[in-house]
Amino acid sequence: MEQPIFVRRISTKQRKKLETGLRSREAYIMRRCQIILASVRGERASEIARNLGCSEGTARNTINGFNQNGLECLKKKSSRPKKLRTILDEEKRESLRALLQTSPRTWGKESSLWTLGLAAEVCFAQGVTPQQVSIETIRQALVRLGVNWQRAKHWITSPDPHYALKKSSATV
């Protein structure tokens, strides 16, 4: 069982700020003020969570945040991850580039045109990526490589060596 956690003693100035925050238009600030003031009244994190309809973790994080940073915990921080995990590092991006310079038929695919989804499948099958990645991951990797990716276009071609000559005379 978790140890009960409570906020540290608060000053009258902090109490007034917290009470003002109860009337805030931002739900984030209002909820945090409710949690802190409930903890000041002696309620445990589990009781606060039950009464306010939030998770126990939210109540504990708010109380810990107030104990460490004071009223700064009322400011909403960025939800972006602090560190991005890059699946396709520089070496793997170069492997992707080499892969795309071959035909998909080399890898047992029916199409002769690469699509982002097809590239994602083959990258996973060939061990370039540890798991199946999204087409957006492949697209971002290509952007980092400086490759201008466009949707595959189906052009009419023929294996006939004289096809270009025949086509040009037919369209004249």
N, C-alpha and C. Protein backbone atom coordinates (compact mmCIF):
# COMPACT_ATOMS: atom_id res chain seq x y z
N MET A 1 0.85 -1.18 0.00
CA MET A 1 0.00 0.00 0.00
C MET A 1 0.89 1.25 0.00
N GLU A 2 0.50 2.23 -0.77
CA GLU A 2 1.25 3.48 -0.88
C GLU A 2 1.13 4.27 0.42
N GLN A 3 2.23 4.96 0.74
CA GLN A 3 2.21 5.86 1.89
C GLN A 3 1.28 7.03 1.59
N PRO A 4 0.49 7.47 2.56
CA PRO A 4 -0.34 8.66 2.31
C PRO A 4 0.57 9.87 2.06
N ILE A 5 0.16 10.68 1.12
CA ILE A 5 0.95 11.85 0.76
C ILE A 5 0.06 13.08 0.88
N PHE A 6 0.63 14.13 1.44
CA PHE A 6 -0.11 15.39 1.63
C PHE A 6 0.78 16.54 1.18
N VAL A 7 0.14 17.67 0.87
CA VAL A 7 0.93 18.85 0.49
C VAL A 7 1.56 19.44 1.74
N ARG A 8 2.66 20.15 1.49
CA ARG A 8 3.34 20.83 2.60
C ARG A 8 2.48 22.01 3.05
N ARG A 9 2.89 22.66 4.11
CA ARG A 9 2.13 23.82 4.61
C ARG A 9 2.12 24.92 3.54
N ILE A 10 0.98 25.57 3.43
CA ILE A 10 0.89 26.64 2.44
C ILE A 10 0.68 27.97 3.14
N SER A 11 1.17 29.05 2.51
CA SER A 11 1.01 30.39 3.07
C SER A 11 -0.38 30.92 2.71
N THR A 12 -0.78 32.00 3.35
CA THR A 12 -2.09 32.60 3.04
C THR A 12 -2.11 33.13 1.61
N LYS A 13 -0.97 33.62 1.13
CA LYS A 13 -0.89 34.11 -0.25
C LYS A 13 -1.11 32.97 -1.23
N GLN A 14 -0.50 31.82 -0.94
CA GLN A 14 -0.68 30.65 -1.80
C GLN A 14 -2.13 30.16 -1.75
N ARG A 15 -2.73 30.19 -0.55
CA ARG A 15 -4.12 29.75 -0.40
C ARG A 15 -5.04 30.63 -1.25
N LYS A 16 -4.80 31.95 -1.23
CA LYS A 16 -5.64 32.87 -2.02
C LYS A 16 -5.50 32.58 -3.51
N LYS A 17 -4.27 32.32 -3.95
CA LYS A 17 -4.03 31.98 -5.36
C LYS A 17 -4.77 30.70 -5.73
N LEU A 18 -4.71 29.71 -4.84
CA LEU A 18 -5.38 28.44 -5.11
C LEU A 18 -6.90 28.62 -5.13
N GLU A 19 -7.44 29.43 -4.23
CA GLU A 19 -8.89 29.67 -4.22
C GLU A 19 -9.33 30.45 -5.46
N THR A 20 -8.47 31.36 -5.93
CA THR A 20 -8.76 32.08 -7.17
C THR A 20 -8.72 31.10 -8.34
N GLY A 21 -7.82 30.15 -8.30
CA GLY A 21 -7.70 29.15 -9.34
C GLY A 21 -8.91 28.25 -9.45
N LEU A 22 -9.71 28.15 -8.39
CA LEU A 22 -10.93 27.34 -8.43
C LEU A 22 -11.95 27.92 -9.42
N ARG A 23 -11.82 29.23 -9.72
CA ARG A 23 -12.73 29.88 -10.66
C ARG A 23 -12.10 30.08 -12.03
N SER A 24 -11.00 29.42 -12.27
CA SER A 24 -10.28 29.54 -13.54
C SER A 24 -11.12 28.96 -14.69
N ARG A 25 -10.93 29.55 -15.88
CA ARG A 25 -11.60 29.02 -17.07
C ARG A 25 -10.93 27.74 -17.55
N GLU A 26 -9.68 27.56 -17.18
CA GLU A 26 -8.95 26.36 -17.61
C GLU A 26 -9.18 25.22 -16.62
N ALA A 27 -9.71 24.13 -17.14
CA ALA A 27 -10.03 22.97 -16.30
C ALA A 27 -8.77 22.40 -15.63
N TYR A 28 -7.65 22.47 -16.33
CA TYR A 28 -6.40 21.94 -15.79
C TYR A 28 -6.03 22.64 -14.48
N ILE A 29 -6.08 23.98 -14.50
CA ILE A 29 -5.73 24.76 -13.31
C ILE A 29 -6.75 24.52 -12.20
N MET A 30 -8.04 24.55 -12.56
CA MET A 30 -9.09 24.35 -11.57
C MET A 30 -8.94 23.00 -10.88
N ARG A 31 -8.70 21.94 -11.67
CA ARG A 31 -8.59 20.60 -11.09
C ARG A 31 -7.39 20.51 -10.14
N ARG A 32 -6.26 21.09 -10.55
CA ARG A 32 -5.08 21.05 -9.69
C ARG A 32 -5.30 21.83 -8.39
N CYS A 33 -5.98 22.95 -8.47
CA CYS A 33 -6.29 23.73 -7.26
C CYS A 33 -7.20 22.91 -6.34
N GLN A 34 -8.19 22.23 -6.91
CA GLN A 34 -9.08 21.39 -6.11
C GLN A 34 -8.29 20.30 -5.38
N ILE A 35 -7.37 19.68 -6.08
CA ILE A 35 -6.58 18.59 -5.50
C ILE A 35 -5.72 19.11 -4.35
N ILE A 36 -5.03 20.23 -4.59
CA ILE A 36 -4.13 20.77 -3.56
C ILE A 36 -4.91 21.21 -2.33
N LEU A 37 -6.02 21.91 -2.53
CA LEU A 37 -6.81 22.37 -1.38
C LEU A 37 -7.44 21.20 -0.63
N ALA A 38 -7.82 20.14 -1.33
CA ALA A 38 -8.35 18.95 -0.65
C ALA A 38 -7.26 18.29 0.19
N SER A 39 -6.03 18.29 -0.33
CA SER A 39 -4.92 17.72 0.43
C SER A 39 -4.61 18.57 1.66
N VAL A 40 -4.74 19.88 1.53
CA VAL A 40 -4.54 20.78 2.68
C VAL A 40 -5.56 20.46 3.77
N ARG A 41 -6.78 20.11 3.38
CA ARG A 41 -7.83 19.75 4.35
C ARG A 41 -7.58 18.39 4.99
N GLY A 42 -6.57 17.64 4.51
CA GLY A 42 -6.23 16.37 5.13
C GLY A 42 -6.75 15.15 4.40
N GLU A 43 -7.30 15.34 3.21
CA GLU A 43 -7.80 14.19 2.46
C GLU A 43 -6.63 13.46 1.80
N ARG A 44 -6.73 12.14 1.75
CA ARG A 44 -5.71 11.33 1.10
C ARG A 44 -5.90 11.37 -0.42
N ALA A 45 -4.85 11.01 -1.15
CA ALA A 45 -4.90 11.04 -2.61
C ALA A 45 -6.01 10.15 -3.15
N SER A 46 -6.23 8.99 -2.54
CA SER A 46 -7.28 8.09 -3.01
C SER A 46 -8.67 8.71 -2.82
N GLU A 47 -8.88 9.38 -1.69
CA GLU A 47 -10.17 10.05 -1.45
C GLU A 47 -10.38 11.19 -2.44
N ILE A 48 -9.31 11.97 -2.66
CA ILE A 48 -9.40 13.10 -3.59
C ILE A 48 -9.76 12.59 -4.98
N ALA A 49 -9.09 11.54 -5.41
CA ALA A 49 -9.35 10.97 -6.73
C ALA A 49 -10.80 10.50 -6.84
N ARG A 50 -11.29 9.85 -5.83
CA ARG A 50 -12.66 9.35 -5.84
C ARG A 50 -13.66 10.51 -5.87
N ASN A 51 -13.41 11.54 -5.07
CA ASN A 51 -14.34 12.68 -5.00
C ASN A 51 -14.33 13.53 -6.27
N LEU A 52 -13.17 13.67 -6.90
CA LEU A 52 -13.06 14.54 -8.08
C LEU A 52 -13.19 13.79 -9.40
N GLY A 53 -13.22 12.48 -9.33
CA GLY A 53 -13.37 11.69 -10.55
C GLY A 53 -12.11 11.67 -11.41
N CYS A 54 -10.95 11.68 -10.77
CA CYS A 54 -9.70 11.58 -11.51
C CYS A 54 -8.94 10.36 -11.00
N SER A 55 -7.82 10.08 -11.59
CA SER A 55 -7.05 8.92 -11.15
C SER A 55 -6.24 9.27 -9.89
N GLU A 56 -5.90 8.23 -9.17
CA GLU A 56 -5.09 8.42 -7.97
C GLU A 56 -3.71 8.95 -8.35
N GLY A 57 -3.20 8.53 -9.49
CA GLY A 57 -1.91 9.00 -9.97
C GLY A 57 -1.92 10.49 -10.24
N THR A 58 -3.03 11.00 -10.79
CA THR A 58 -3.15 12.43 -11.05
C THR A 58 -3.08 13.20 -9.75
N ALA A 59 -3.80 12.72 -8.75
CA ALA A 59 -3.79 13.39 -7.44
C ALA A 59 -2.39 13.36 -6.83
N ARG A 60 -1.74 12.21 -6.88
CA ARG A 60 -0.39 12.10 -6.31
C ARG A 60 0.60 12.98 -7.07
N ASN A 61 0.53 12.98 -8.39
CA ASN A 61 1.45 13.81 -9.18
C ASN A 61 1.25 15.29 -8.89
N THR A 62 0.01 15.71 -8.71
CA THR A 62 -0.27 17.11 -8.41
C THR A 62 0.29 17.48 -7.04
N ILE A 63 0.08 16.63 -6.07
CA ILE A 63 0.59 16.89 -4.71
C ILE A 63 2.11 16.93 -4.72
N ASN A 64 2.74 15.95 -5.38
CA ASN A 64 4.21 15.95 -5.48
C ASN A 64 4.72 17.18 -6.21
N GLY A 65 4.01 17.56 -7.26
CA GLY A 65 4.41 18.75 -8.02
C GLY A 65 4.34 20.01 -7.19
N PHE A 66 3.31 20.14 -6.38
CA PHE A 66 3.18 21.31 -5.52
C PHE A 66 4.27 21.29 -4.44
N ASN A 67 4.54 20.13 -3.88
CA ASN A 67 5.58 20.04 -2.85
C ASN A 67 6.96 20.40 -3.40
N GLN A 68 7.21 20.10 -4.66
CA GLN A 68 8.51 20.39 -5.25
C GLN A 68 8.61 21.80 -5.83
N ASN A 69 7.55 22.24 -6.51
CA ASN A 69 7.62 23.50 -7.27
C ASN A 69 6.66 24.59 -6.82
N GLY A 70 5.88 24.32 -5.81
CA GLY A 70 4.93 25.34 -5.35
C GLY A 70 3.86 25.58 -6.40
N LEU A 71 3.47 26.86 -6.55
CA LEU A 71 2.39 27.22 -7.47
C LEU A 71 2.77 27.05 -8.94
N GLU A 72 4.04 26.81 -9.22
CA GLU A 72 4.47 26.56 -10.60
C GLU A 72 3.81 25.30 -11.17
N CYS A 73 3.36 24.41 -10.29
CA CYS A 73 2.73 23.17 -10.75
C CYS A 73 1.38 23.44 -11.40
N LEU A 74 0.85 24.66 -11.26
CA LEU A 74 -0.43 24.99 -11.89
C LEU A 74 -0.29 25.29 -13.37
N LYS A 75 0.93 25.58 -13.82
CA LYS A 75 1.15 25.88 -15.23
C LYS A 75 1.22 24.58 -16.02
N LYS A 76 0.48 24.58 -17.10
CA LYS A 76 0.48 23.39 -17.95
C LYS A 76 1.77 23.33 -18.74
N LYS A 77 2.43 22.19 -18.69
CA LYS A 77 3.68 22.00 -19.42
C LYS A 77 3.41 21.30 -20.73
N SER A 78 4.38 21.30 -21.59
CA SER A 78 4.25 20.65 -22.88
C SER A 78 4.07 19.14 -22.68
N SER A 79 3.21 18.57 -23.51
CA SER A 79 2.99 17.13 -23.42
C SER A 79 3.88 16.36 -24.39
N ARG A 80 4.72 17.09 -25.11
CA ARG A 80 5.65 16.42 -26.03
C ARG A 80 6.67 15.61 -25.25
N PRO A 81 7.07 14.49 -25.78
CA PRO A 81 8.09 13.72 -25.08
C PRO A 81 9.41 14.49 -25.03
N LYS A 82 10.12 14.34 -23.93
CA LYS A 82 11.38 15.05 -23.77
C LYS A 82 12.46 14.47 -24.67
N LYS A 83 12.35 13.21 -24.94
CA LYS A 83 13.33 12.56 -25.81
C LYS A 83 12.58 11.69 -26.81
N LEU A 84 12.86 11.90 -28.07
CA LEU A 84 12.23 11.09 -29.11
C LEU A 84 13.08 9.85 -29.37
N ARG A 85 12.41 8.75 -29.51
CA ARG A 85 13.09 7.50 -29.82
C ARG A 85 13.06 7.34 -31.34
N THR A 86 14.19 7.45 -31.95
CA THR A 86 14.26 7.35 -33.39
C THR A 86 14.50 5.89 -33.78
N ILE A 87 13.53 5.33 -34.46
CA ILE A 87 13.65 3.94 -34.88
C ILE A 87 14.60 3.85 -36.06
N LEU A 88 14.48 4.81 -36.99
CA LEU A 88 15.34 4.80 -38.17
C LEU A 88 16.46 5.83 -37.98
N ASP A 89 17.56 5.37 -37.38
CA ASP A 89 18.71 6.27 -37.22
C ASP A 89 19.40 6.44 -38.58
N GLU A 90 20.51 7.14 -38.59
CA GLU A 90 21.17 7.48 -39.85
C GLU A 90 21.56 6.24 -40.66
N GLU A 91 22.10 5.25 -39.98
CA GLU A 91 22.52 4.02 -40.67
C GLU A 91 21.32 3.29 -41.28
N LYS A 92 20.24 3.21 -40.53
CA LYS A 92 19.05 2.52 -41.02
C LYS A 92 18.37 3.31 -42.14
N ARG A 93 18.45 4.63 -42.08
CA ARG A 93 17.90 5.45 -43.17
C ARG A 93 18.66 5.19 -44.47
N GLU A 94 19.97 5.02 -44.36
CA GLU A 94 20.75 4.71 -45.55
C GLU A 94 20.39 3.32 -46.09
N SER A 95 20.09 2.39 -45.18
CA SER A 95 19.63 1.06 -45.61
C SER A 95 18.29 1.19 -46.33
N LEU A 96 17.44 2.07 -45.84
CA LEU A 96 16.15 2.33 -46.48
C LEU A 96 16.37 2.90 -47.88
N ARG A 97 17.30 3.84 -48.01
CA ARG A 97 17.59 4.43 -49.32
C ARG A 97 18.05 3.34 -50.30
N ALA A 98 18.97 2.47 -49.85
CA ALA A 98 19.46 1.39 -50.71
C ALA A 98 18.33 0.44 -51.08
N LEU A 99 17.46 0.17 -50.14
CA LEU A 99 16.33 -0.72 -50.38
C LEU A 99 15.41 -0.13 -51.45
N LEU A 100 15.16 1.16 -51.39
CA LEU A 100 14.26 1.81 -52.34
C LEU A 100 14.87 1.95 -53.73
N GLN A 101 16.16 1.74 -53.85
CA GLN A 101 16.79 1.81 -55.16
C GLN A 101 16.73 0.47 -55.89
N THR A 102 16.14 -0.52 -55.23
CA THR A 102 15.91 -1.81 -55.87
C THR A 102 14.43 -1.91 -56.23
N SER A 103 14.07 -2.92 -56.95
CA SER A 103 12.66 -3.14 -57.31
C SER A 103 11.97 -3.89 -56.17
N PRO A 104 10.72 -3.56 -55.89
CA PRO A 104 9.98 -4.33 -54.87
C PRO A 104 9.85 -5.81 -55.24
N ARG A 105 9.94 -6.11 -56.52
CA ARG A 105 9.84 -7.51 -56.95
C ARG A 105 11.04 -8.32 -56.46
N THR A 106 12.16 -7.62 -56.22
CA THR A 106 13.35 -8.29 -55.66
C THR A 106 13.01 -8.91 -54.31
N TRP A 107 12.09 -8.30 -53.60
CA TRP A 107 11.72 -8.73 -52.26
C TRP A 107 10.43 -9.54 -52.25
N GLY A 108 10.03 -10.02 -53.44
CA GLY A 108 8.87 -10.91 -53.52
C GLY A 108 7.54 -10.19 -53.53
N LYS A 109 7.50 -8.93 -53.90
CA LYS A 109 6.25 -8.18 -53.94
C LYS A 109 5.70 -8.17 -55.35
N GLU A 110 4.39 -8.05 -55.47
CA GLU A 110 3.72 -8.08 -56.77
C GLU A 110 3.95 -6.81 -57.58
N SER A 111 4.11 -5.69 -56.90
CA SER A 111 4.21 -4.40 -57.57
C SER A 111 5.64 -4.09 -57.98
N SER A 112 5.77 -3.27 -59.00
CA SER A 112 7.11 -2.80 -59.37
C SER A 112 7.32 -1.37 -58.90
N LEU A 113 6.32 -0.81 -58.21
CA LEU A 113 6.39 0.55 -57.69
C LEU A 113 6.40 0.54 -56.18
N TRP A 114 7.28 1.34 -55.60
CA TRP A 114 7.34 1.44 -54.14
C TRP A 114 6.23 2.36 -53.65
N THR A 115 5.58 1.96 -52.58
CA THR A 115 4.69 2.83 -51.82
C THR A 115 5.25 2.91 -50.42
N LEU A 116 4.79 3.87 -49.64
CA LEU A 116 5.29 3.98 -48.26
C LEU A 116 4.94 2.74 -47.45
N GLY A 117 3.72 2.23 -47.64
CA GLY A 117 3.31 1.02 -46.92
C GLY A 117 4.15 -0.19 -47.30
N LEU A 118 4.44 -0.31 -48.58
CA LEU A 118 5.26 -1.42 -49.06
C LEU A 118 6.69 -1.30 -48.52
N ALA A 119 7.21 -0.07 -48.48
CA ALA A 119 8.55 0.15 -47.92
C ALA A 119 8.58 -0.22 -46.44
N ALA A 120 7.52 0.11 -45.71
CA ALA A 120 7.45 -0.24 -44.29
C ALA A 120 7.45 -1.75 -44.10
N GLU A 121 6.68 -2.46 -44.94
CA GLU A 121 6.63 -3.93 -44.85
C GLU A 121 8.00 -4.55 -45.10
N VAL A 122 8.65 -4.12 -46.18
CA VAL A 122 9.93 -4.72 -46.56
C VAL A 122 11.01 -4.36 -45.53
N CYS A 123 10.97 -3.14 -45.00
CA CYS A 123 11.95 -2.76 -43.96
C CYS A 123 11.85 -3.68 -42.76
N PHE A 124 10.62 -4.00 -42.37
CA PHE A 124 10.43 -4.91 -41.23
C PHE A 124 10.88 -6.32 -41.59
N ALA A 125 10.50 -6.78 -42.78
CA ALA A 125 10.85 -8.14 -43.21
C ALA A 125 12.38 -8.32 -43.33
N GLN A 126 13.08 -7.27 -43.74
CA GLN A 126 14.53 -7.35 -43.93
C GLN A 126 15.31 -6.99 -42.66
N GLY A 127 14.61 -6.64 -41.57
CA GLY A 127 15.27 -6.35 -40.31
C GLY A 127 15.83 -4.93 -40.21
N VAL A 128 15.42 -4.05 -41.12
CA VAL A 128 15.87 -2.66 -41.02
C VAL A 128 15.20 -2.00 -39.82
N THR A 129 13.93 -2.35 -39.57
CA THR A 129 13.21 -1.83 -38.39
C THR A 129 12.88 -3.00 -37.47
N PRO A 130 12.90 -2.79 -36.16
CA PRO A 130 12.62 -3.88 -35.22
C PRO A 130 11.16 -4.31 -35.19
N GLN A 131 10.25 -3.42 -35.63
CA GLN A 131 8.83 -3.75 -35.70
C GLN A 131 8.24 -3.06 -36.91
N GLN A 132 7.01 -3.43 -37.24
CA GLN A 132 6.33 -2.78 -38.36
C GLN A 132 6.11 -1.32 -38.00
N VAL A 133 6.55 -0.42 -38.86
CA VAL A 133 6.41 1.01 -38.60
C VAL A 133 5.32 1.59 -39.50
N SER A 134 4.88 2.78 -39.16
CA SER A 134 3.83 3.43 -39.93
C SER A 134 4.41 4.05 -41.19
N ILE A 135 3.52 4.39 -42.12
CA ILE A 135 3.98 5.05 -43.34
C ILE A 135 4.52 6.43 -43.02
N GLU A 136 4.02 7.04 -41.93
CA GLU A 136 4.53 8.36 -41.55
C GLU A 136 5.98 8.27 -41.09
N THR A 137 6.35 7.20 -40.42
CA THR A 137 7.74 7.00 -40.01
C THR A 137 8.65 6.89 -41.23
N ILE A 138 8.20 6.16 -42.23
CA ILE A 138 8.98 6.02 -43.46
C ILE A 138 9.07 7.37 -44.16
N ARG A 139 7.94 8.10 -44.23
CA ARG A 139 7.93 9.40 -44.89
C ARG A 139 8.89 10.37 -44.21
N GLN A 140 8.88 10.40 -42.86
CA GLN A 140 9.79 11.28 -42.12
C GLN A 140 11.24 10.89 -42.35
N ALA A 141 11.52 9.61 -42.43
CA ALA A 141 12.90 9.15 -42.69
C ALA A 141 13.35 9.62 -44.07
N LEU A 142 12.45 9.57 -45.03
CA LEU A 142 12.79 10.03 -46.38
C LEU A 142 13.01 11.54 -46.42
N VAL A 143 12.23 12.27 -45.63
CA VAL A 143 12.43 13.72 -45.54
C VAL A 143 13.83 14.00 -44.98
N ARG A 144 14.22 13.26 -43.94
CA ARG A 144 15.55 13.44 -43.35
C ARG A 144 16.66 13.08 -44.34
N LEU A 145 16.37 12.16 -45.23
CA LEU A 145 17.34 11.79 -46.26
C LEU A 145 17.38 12.81 -47.40
N GLY A 146 16.41 13.70 -47.43
CA GLY A 146 16.34 14.68 -48.51
C GLY A 146 15.72 14.11 -49.77
N VAL A 147 14.97 13.03 -49.62
CA VAL A 147 14.31 12.40 -50.76
C VAL A 147 12.93 13.01 -50.91
N ASN A 148 12.60 13.45 -52.11
CA ASN A 148 11.28 14.00 -52.37
C ASN A 148 10.36 12.85 -52.75
N TRP A 149 9.50 12.45 -51.82
CA TRP A 149 8.63 11.30 -52.05
C TRP A 149 7.32 11.78 -52.64
N GLN A 150 6.90 11.14 -53.70
CA GLN A 150 5.60 11.41 -54.29
C GLN A 150 4.88 10.10 -54.47
N ARG A 151 3.59 10.20 -54.52
CA ARG A 151 2.78 8.99 -54.71
C ARG A 151 3.18 8.32 -56.02
N ALA A 152 3.21 7.00 -56.02
CA ALA A 152 3.61 6.26 -57.22
C ALA A 152 2.64 6.53 -58.35
N LYS A 153 3.18 6.73 -59.52
CA LYS A 153 2.36 6.97 -60.71
C LYS A 153 2.49 5.75 -61.62
N HIS A 154 1.39 5.31 -62.15
CA HIS A 154 1.40 4.14 -63.03
C HIS A 154 1.56 4.63 -64.47
N TRP A 155 2.67 4.35 -65.07
CA TRP A 155 2.93 4.74 -66.44
C TRP A 155 2.78 3.50 -67.31
N ILE A 156 2.30 3.71 -68.51
CA ILE A 156 2.15 2.59 -69.43
C ILE A 156 3.53 2.30 -70.03
N THR A 157 4.00 1.10 -69.82
CA THR A 157 5.30 0.70 -70.36
C THR A 157 5.16 -0.67 -71.00
N SER A 158 6.13 -1.00 -71.78
CA SER A 158 6.11 -2.29 -72.46
C SER A 158 7.52 -2.87 -72.46
N PRO A 159 7.65 -4.18 -72.44
CA PRO A 159 8.98 -4.78 -72.51
C PRO A 159 9.58 -4.72 -73.92
N ASP A 160 8.76 -4.29 -74.90
CA ASP A 160 9.22 -4.19 -76.29
C ASP A 160 10.35 -3.18 -76.40
N PRO A 161 11.53 -3.55 -76.95
CA PRO A 161 12.65 -2.61 -77.04
C PRO A 161 12.34 -1.42 -77.95
N HIS A 162 11.38 -1.56 -78.86
CA HIS A 162 11.03 -0.47 -79.77
C HIS A 162 9.80 0.31 -79.28
N TYR A 163 9.41 0.12 -78.03
CA TYR A 163 8.20 0.74 -77.49
C TYR A 163 8.24 2.26 -77.58
N ALA A 164 9.36 2.87 -77.19
CA ALA A 164 9.46 4.33 -77.20
C ALA A 164 9.28 4.88 -78.61
N LEU A 165 9.86 4.23 -79.58
CA LEU A 165 9.75 4.68 -80.97
C LEU A 165 8.30 4.53 -81.46
N LYS A 166 7.68 3.39 -81.16
CA LYS A 166 6.31 3.16 -81.57
C LYS A 166 5.35 4.14 -80.90
N LYS A 167 5.58 4.42 -79.61
CA LYS A 167 4.71 5.33 -78.87
C LYS A 167 4.81 6.75 -79.43
N SER A 168 6.03 7.20 -79.73
CA SER A 168 6.20 8.55 -80.23
C SER A 168 5.55 8.70 -81.61
N SER A 169 5.62 7.70 -82.46
CA SER A 169 5.00 7.81 -83.78
C SER A 169 3.49 7.70 -83.70
N ALA A 170 2.97 7.02 -82.69
CA ALA A 170 1.53 6.87 -82.52
C ALA A 170 0.90 8.15 -81.98
N THR A 171 1.63 8.92 -81.20
CA THR A 171 1.08 10.13 -80.60
C THR A 171 1.30 11.37 -81.44
N VAL A 172 1.97 11.25 -82.59
CA VAL A 172 2.24 12.40 -83.44
C VAL A 172 1.04 12.78 -84.23
